[in-house]
Amino acid sequence: MEIRKKILNKIEEGKEVEVIFFKVKFNNFRDVSYSTANEVTDREEWDECECALTLPDTYTDEGDETPLILSCHGAGSVVREADDKTGGLAYCRECLKRGYAVLDVCGSQPHGLTMGCPEHIFALHKAYLYAIKHYNLSSRVLVAGASMGGHTAMNFAHTFPGIVIALGLIYPRLNMDGVTIGDHYCIGTWDKTKKSETTGYSTHDRIVQIYRFPEDEWYAPNTIGFNPYLTRSYIGADGKRVVIPPCPIKVWQGDSDTIVDPVMVTEFVESVRRSGSYIEFHLMEGVGHKMNDVMRTELAMWFDRFI
């Protein structure tokens, strides 16, 4: 069942935008291969995920397909119809004006803090399938993500490379565990141990939960394929990491960001360049962890190249 609402919020400033809320079912079980017994270890644990889709004024049910963007929210957002929360749709405000449809999902937990885990990616894929089945939308998509949503966006592209045309990453979180670059230590999401006053959980606690760690300690096997700085990568003869992305990427990062380390983002860009793959990088002087109009405009211009 769909719920359509006219919402006056940050999607398009000063204008009411119709948002289509719906739910999809996805399998919340993941076989992490703890058991070696001669038995079926996979199971079906179906769960529901809230989703939000907005269509541009130019959308039609017939004729040319409307291009679709999957816009992945950060750790401070959710998709929740009950209080008009629309997740990452606001990132693509300029894209909506230019004729793009935009979709986001809450993820595999109601709190939205699923950090691009496999179940979140499976839920996003189910929402994508629903959207292209019920609306006249492109089956190959562009993917945007800001902050922790950058982690989700990268993981979706790695998991479904045949679907994704290009990525736009805004101050993206790309390392789950800490990484030392030269003499500088870039903290990972795993290092964020401060507990929330409202939930009582830290980001560290959430990783233990959603990545199914057997104990409260780092367990790398459960993160394979979902830790962007390590996925599809290797260490070159010079000792430097090389990352091979599934599609072209553009990254925006402020050099005054205290939430996502600019050194880590710069290293990720360089690691992609070492592979010979295409990536663009806009490092913005004096900008912190906040999206601005330059990022919104350039994101739309970047995606326009591929449509």
Protein backbone atom coordinates (compact mmCIF):
# COMPACT_ATOMS: atom_id res chain seq x y z
CA MET A 1 0.00 0.00 0.00
CA GLU A 2 1.24 3.47 -0.90
CA ILE A 3 0.69 6.70 1.01
CA ARG A 4 1.08 9.92 -0.94
CA LYS A 5 1.75 13.12 0.97
CA LYS A 6 2.42 16.72 0.05
CA ILE A 7 5.37 17.68 2.24
CA LEU A 8 6.92 21.09 2.74
CA ASN A 9 10.48 20.28 3.75
CA LYS A 10 14.08 20.33 2.60
CA ILE A 11 13.51 18.31 -0.58
CA GLU A 12 12.76 21.48 -2.50
CA GLU A 13 13.03 24.60 -0.41
CA GLY A 14 9.90 26.73 -0.24
CA LYS A 15 7.79 24.27 -2.23
CA GLU A 16 5.49 21.40 -1.39
CA VAL A 17 6.66 18.12 -2.89
CA GLU A 18 4.59 14.97 -3.19
CA VAL A 19 6.33 12.01 -1.58
CA ILE A 20 5.18 8.45 -2.16
CA PHE A 21 5.74 6.29 0.92
CA PHE A 22 5.60 2.51 0.58
CA LYS A 23 7.01 -0.61 2.20
CA VAL A 24 8.88 -3.57 0.75
CA LYS A 25 9.68 -6.96 2.20
CA PHE A 26 13.26 -8.23 2.27
CA ASN A 27 15.05 -11.21 3.77
CA ASN A 28 16.74 -10.00 6.96
CA PHE A 29 18.68 -13.22 7.45
CA ARG A 30 22.34 -13.45 6.48
CA ASP A 31 24.31 -16.68 6.61
CA VAL A 32 27.62 -15.71 8.18
CA SER A 33 28.89 -19.30 7.87
CA TYR A 34 29.36 -20.08 11.56
CA SER A 35 27.98 -23.60 11.09
CA THR A 36 29.79 -26.30 9.12
CA ALA A 37 27.18 -29.02 9.74
CA ASN A 38 25.64 -30.79 6.75
CA GLU A 39 22.41 -28.81 6.90
CA VAL A 40 20.69 -25.88 5.26
CA THR A 41 21.96 -22.80 7.09
CA ASP A 42 20.18 -20.16 5.06
CA ARG A 43 16.73 -19.10 6.26
CA GLU A 44 13.93 -16.75 5.38
CA GLU A 45 13.42 -14.00 7.96
CA TRP A 46 11.25 -11.54 6.09
CA ASP A 47 11.04 -7.99 7.36
CA GLU A 48 9.58 -4.70 6.13
CA CYS A 49 11.40 -1.54 5.15
CA GLU A 50 9.91 1.94 4.75
CA CYS A 51 10.70 3.70 1.47
CA ALA A 52 10.19 7.19 0.06
CA LEU A 53 9.98 8.10 -3.64
CA THR A 54 9.45 11.51 -5.21
CA LEU A 55 8.77 12.16 -8.89
CA PRO A 56 9.63 15.30 -10.88
CA ASP A 57 6.99 17.55 -12.42
CA THR A 58 8.00 16.19 -15.84
CA TYR A 59 7.16 12.56 -14.93
CA THR A 60 4.71 10.70 -17.20
CA ASP A 61 3.44 7.12 -17.08
CA GLU A 62 4.12 6.68 -20.79
CA GLY A 63 6.90 7.60 -23.17
CA ASP A 64 10.52 8.06 -22.16
CA GLU A 65 11.55 6.63 -18.80
CA THR A 66 12.33 9.13 -16.05
CA PRO A 67 15.91 8.73 -14.75
CA LEU A 68 16.08 7.40 -11.19
CA ILE A 69 18.51 8.31 -8.41
CA LEU A 70 18.97 6.20 -5.29
CA SER A 71 19.88 8.82 -2.67
CA CYS A 72 21.26 7.21 0.50
CA HIS A 73 20.81 9.01 3.84
CA GLY A 74 23.42 9.53 6.50
CA ALA A 75 23.40 8.40 10.13
CA GLY A 76 21.27 11.33 11.26
CA SER A 77 18.32 10.56 8.97
CA VAL A 78 15.57 8.00 8.54
CA VAL A 79 12.68 7.29 6.19
CA ARG A 80 9.51 7.28 8.28
CA GLU A 81 6.07 8.16 6.97
CA ALA A 82 4.55 8.71 10.42
CA ASP A 83 6.50 11.94 10.94
CA ASP A 84 7.26 12.84 7.31
CA LYS A 85 10.94 11.83 7.39
CA THR A 86 12.30 11.40 3.87
CA GLY A 87 15.91 10.35 4.44
CA GLY A 88 18.30 11.31 1.67
CA LEU A 89 15.79 12.76 -0.80
CA ALA A 90 16.89 16.29 0.12
CA TYR A 91 20.41 15.70 -1.21
CA CYS A 92 18.99 15.62 -4.74
CA ARG A 93 16.88 18.78 -4.59
CA GLU A 94 18.52 20.24 -7.70
CA CYS A 95 18.29 16.89 -9.50
CA LEU A 96 14.52 16.77 -8.86
CA LYS A 97 14.17 20.17 -10.55
CA ARG A 98 16.04 18.79 -13.57
CA GLY A 99 13.69 15.85 -14.07
CA TYR A 100 15.08 13.04 -11.92
CA ALA A 101 13.02 10.77 -9.66
CA VAL A 102 14.62 10.14 -6.25
CA LEU A 103 14.29 7.11 -3.93
CA ASP A 104 15.60 6.28 -0.44
CA VAL A 105 14.87 3.62 2.17
CA CYS A 106 15.17 3.51 5.95
CA GLY A 107 17.27 0.35 5.84
CA SER A 108 17.08 -2.89 7.74
CA GLN A 109 16.32 -1.27 11.12
CA PRO A 110 13.66 1.34 12.00
CA HIS A 111 16.35 3.64 13.42
CA GLY A 112 17.97 3.86 9.99
CA LEU A 113 21.50 3.36 11.35
CA THR A 114 22.28 0.32 9.22
CA MET A 115 25.46 1.79 7.73
CA GLY A 116 25.26 0.09 4.36
CA CYS A 117 25.16 -3.42 5.85
CA PRO A 118 24.10 -6.29 3.54
CA GLU A 119 20.49 -6.26 4.74
CA HIS A 120 20.25 -2.51 4.04
CA ILE A 121 21.52 -3.11 0.51
CA PHE A 122 19.04 -5.96 -0.03
CA ALA A 123 16.19 -3.71 1.20
CA LEU A 124 17.30 -0.88 -1.11
CA HIS A 125 17.38 -3.30 -4.04
CA LYS A 126 13.84 -4.48 -3.27
CA ALA A 127 12.67 -0.85 -3.19
CA TYR A 128 14.41 -0.22 -6.52
CA LEU A 129 12.60 -3.24 -8.05
CA TYR A 130 9.27 -1.97 -6.73
CA ALA A 131 9.86 1.53 -8.09
CA ILE A 132 10.76 0.47 -11.64
CA LYS A 133 7.89 -2.05 -11.71
CA HIS A 134 5.17 0.42 -10.70
CA TYR A 135 6.50 3.60 -12.30
CA ASN A 136 7.98 4.56 -15.66
CA LEU A 137 11.54 4.82 -14.35
CA SER A 138 14.94 3.86 -15.71
CA SER A 139 16.21 0.42 -14.72
CA ARG A 140 19.82 1.62 -14.62
CA VAL A 141 20.28 4.16 -11.87
CA LEU A 142 22.52 6.86 -10.48
CA VAL A 143 23.41 6.59 -6.80
CA ALA A 144 24.11 9.46 -4.40
CA GLY A 145 25.12 9.24 -0.76
CA ALA A 146 26.18 11.70 1.93
CA SER A 147 28.21 10.89 5.04
CA MET A 148 27.27 7.34 6.11
CA GLY A 149 25.08 7.27 3.01
CA GLY A 150 28.30 7.34 0.99
CA HIS A 151 29.15 4.01 2.58
CA THR A 152 25.71 2.67 1.57
CA ALA A 153 26.03 4.05 -1.97
CA MET A 154 29.44 2.44 -2.51
CA ASN A 155 28.23 -0.89 -1.14
CA PHE A 156 25.14 -0.89 -3.38
CA ALA A 157 27.27 -0.18 -6.45
CA HIS A 158 29.69 -2.98 -5.55
CA THR A 159 26.85 -5.44 -4.93
CA PHE A 160 24.83 -4.55 -8.05
CA PRO A 161 27.37 -3.16 -10.55
CA GLY A 162 25.16 -3.92 -13.55
CA ILE A 163 22.52 -1.51 -12.28
CA VAL A 164 24.61 1.54 -11.32
CA ILE A 165 25.73 4.07 -13.96
CA ALA A 166 27.65 6.50 -11.74
CA LEU A 167 28.13 7.52 -8.10
CA GLY A 168 28.02 10.93 -6.42
CA LEU A 169 29.53 10.86 -2.91
CA ILE A 170 29.23 13.84 -0.54
CA TYR A 171 31.65 13.88 2.44
CA PRO A 172 31.41 10.06 2.41
CA ARG A 173 32.29 7.68 5.24
CA LEU A 174 34.42 5.05 3.50
CA ASN A 175 36.33 3.21 6.24
CA MET A 176 34.66 1.12 8.94
CA ASP A 177 37.85 0.44 10.84
CA GLY A 178 40.61 2.98 11.47
CA VAL A 179 43.25 3.58 8.81
CA THR A 180 46.70 5.16 9.17
CA ILE A 181 47.69 7.36 6.22
CA GLY A 182 51.33 8.39 6.55
CA ASP A 183 51.60 9.51 10.16
CA HIS A 184 47.91 10.41 10.41
CA TYR A 185 45.30 8.07 11.94
CA CYS A 186 41.85 8.35 10.33
CA ILE A 187 39.23 7.10 12.75
CA GLY A 188 36.68 4.62 11.45
CA THR A 189 33.04 4.18 12.37
CA TRP A 190 34.24 1.37 14.64
CA ASP A 191 36.07 3.96 16.76
CA LYS A 192 32.88 5.92 17.55
CA THR A 193 32.15 4.58 21.03
CA LYS A 194 30.23 7.52 22.50
CA LYS A 195 26.74 6.34 23.41
CA SER A 196 23.68 8.26 22.25
CA GLU A 197 21.71 9.96 25.03
CA THR A 198 18.44 8.96 23.36
CA THR A 199 19.13 5.34 22.33
CA GLY A 200 21.91 4.30 24.71
CA TYR A 201 23.82 2.85 21.76
CA SER A 202 27.04 4.03 20.11
CA THR A 203 27.97 3.68 16.45
CA HIS A 204 30.41 0.99 17.62
CA ASP A 205 27.49 -0.90 19.20
CA ARG A 206 25.46 -0.64 16.00
CA ILE A 207 28.28 -2.21 13.97
CA VAL A 208 28.40 -5.17 16.35
CA GLN A 209 24.63 -5.54 15.88
CA ILE A 210 24.17 -5.07 12.15
CA TYR A 211 27.32 -6.83 11.00
CA ARG A 212 26.59 -9.78 13.30
CA PHE A 213 29.94 -9.74 15.10
CA PRO A 214 30.17 -12.79 17.41
CA GLU A 215 31.64 -10.68 20.23
CA ASP A 216 32.14 -7.01 21.01
CA GLU A 217 35.35 -6.96 18.98
CA TRP A 218 36.29 -6.31 15.38
CA TYR A 219 35.47 -9.30 13.15
CA ALA A 220 36.66 -8.56 9.60
CA PRO A 221 35.13 -11.65 7.87
CA ASN A 222 31.62 -10.28 8.40
CA THR A 223 32.51 -6.98 6.70
CA ILE A 224 33.97 -8.41 3.49
CA GLY A 225 32.36 -6.78 0.46
CA PHE A 226 30.86 -4.00 2.57
CA ASN A 227 33.86 -1.97 3.72
CA PRO A 228 34.37 0.45 0.77
CA TYR A 229 38.08 1.22 1.21
CA LEU A 230 38.86 -2.50 1.15
CA THR A 231 36.31 -3.83 -1.36
CA ARG A 232 37.72 -4.76 -4.78
CA SER A 233 41.16 -3.63 -3.68
CA TYR A 234 44.73 -4.81 -3.28
CA ILE A 235 48.08 -3.53 -2.02
CA GLY A 236 50.36 -2.56 -4.89
CA ALA A 237 54.09 -3.17 -5.17
CA ASP A 238 54.71 0.28 -3.67
CA GLY A 239 52.77 -0.70 -0.54
CA LYS A 240 49.83 1.56 -1.35
CA ARG A 241 46.21 0.42 -1.60
CA VAL A 242 44.52 0.27 -5.00
CA VAL A 243 40.69 0.37 -5.17
CA ILE A 244 38.82 -0.67 -8.32
CA PRO A 245 35.35 0.95 -8.38
CA PRO A 246 32.42 -0.46 -10.38
CA CYS A 247 31.62 2.84 -12.14
CA PRO A 248 32.70 6.50 -12.46
CA ILE A 249 32.63 8.49 -9.20
CA LYS A 250 32.63 12.12 -8.15
CA VAL A 251 33.40 13.09 -4.54
CA TRP A 252 32.77 16.34 -2.66
CA GLN A 253 34.61 16.94 0.63
CA GLY A 254 35.16 19.93 2.88
CA ASP A 255 38.68 20.37 4.23
CA SER A 256 37.25 21.60 7.58
CA ASP A 257 35.04 18.54 8.13
CA THR A 258 35.41 17.20 11.68
CA ILE A 259 32.98 14.27 11.22
CA VAL A 260 34.49 12.64 8.12
CA ASP A 261 38.28 12.93 7.91
CA PRO A 262 39.33 14.76 4.70
CA VAL A 263 42.63 12.82 4.78
CA MET A 264 40.74 9.52 4.49
CA VAL A 265 38.54 10.77 1.66
CA THR A 266 41.58 12.11 -0.20
CA GLU A 267 43.32 8.76 0.26
CA PHE A 268 40.28 6.93 -1.13
CA VAL A 269 40.31 9.17 -4.21
CA GLU A 270 44.03 8.53 -4.70
CA SER A 271 43.55 4.77 -4.24
CA VAL A 272 40.97 4.79 -7.05
CA ARG A 273 43.29 6.82 -9.28
CA ARG A 274 46.06 4.26 -8.69
CA SER A 275 43.84 1.67 -10.38
CA GLY A 276 43.52 3.83 -13.48
CA SER A 277 39.77 4.22 -12.86
CA TYR A 278 37.88 7.48 -13.37
CA ILE A 279 37.12 9.65 -10.35
CA GLU A 280 36.62 13.40 -9.88
CA PHE A 281 37.29 15.19 -6.60
CA HIS A 282 36.12 18.60 -5.39
CA LEU A 283 37.91 19.45 -2.14
CA MET A 284 36.22 22.56 -0.75
CA GLU A 285 38.20 25.05 1.33
CA GLY A 286 36.67 26.06 4.67
CA VAL A 287 33.67 23.73 4.32
CA GLY A 288 32.57 21.41 7.12
CA HIS A 289 30.18 18.47 7.34
CA LYS A 290 27.23 20.16 5.68
CA MET A 291 25.83 20.05 2.18
CA ASN A 292 25.71 23.35 0.29
CA ASP A 293 24.29 24.69 -2.96
CA VAL A 294 27.57 24.15 -4.83
CA MET A 295 27.44 20.42 -4.01
CA ARG A 296 23.76 20.17 -4.99
CA THR A 297 24.33 21.93 -8.30
CA GLU A 298 27.47 19.99 -9.19
CA LEU A 299 25.79 16.69 -8.25
CA ALA A 300 23.04 17.40 -10.78
CA MET A 301 25.59 18.45 -13.43
CA TRP A 302 27.62 15.28 -12.77
CA PHE A 303 24.58 13.03 -13.17
CA ASP A 304 23.48 14.94 -16.29
CA ARG A 305 26.60 13.64 -18.06
CA PHE A 306 25.27 10.09 -17.93
CA ILE A 307 21.64 10.63 -18.98
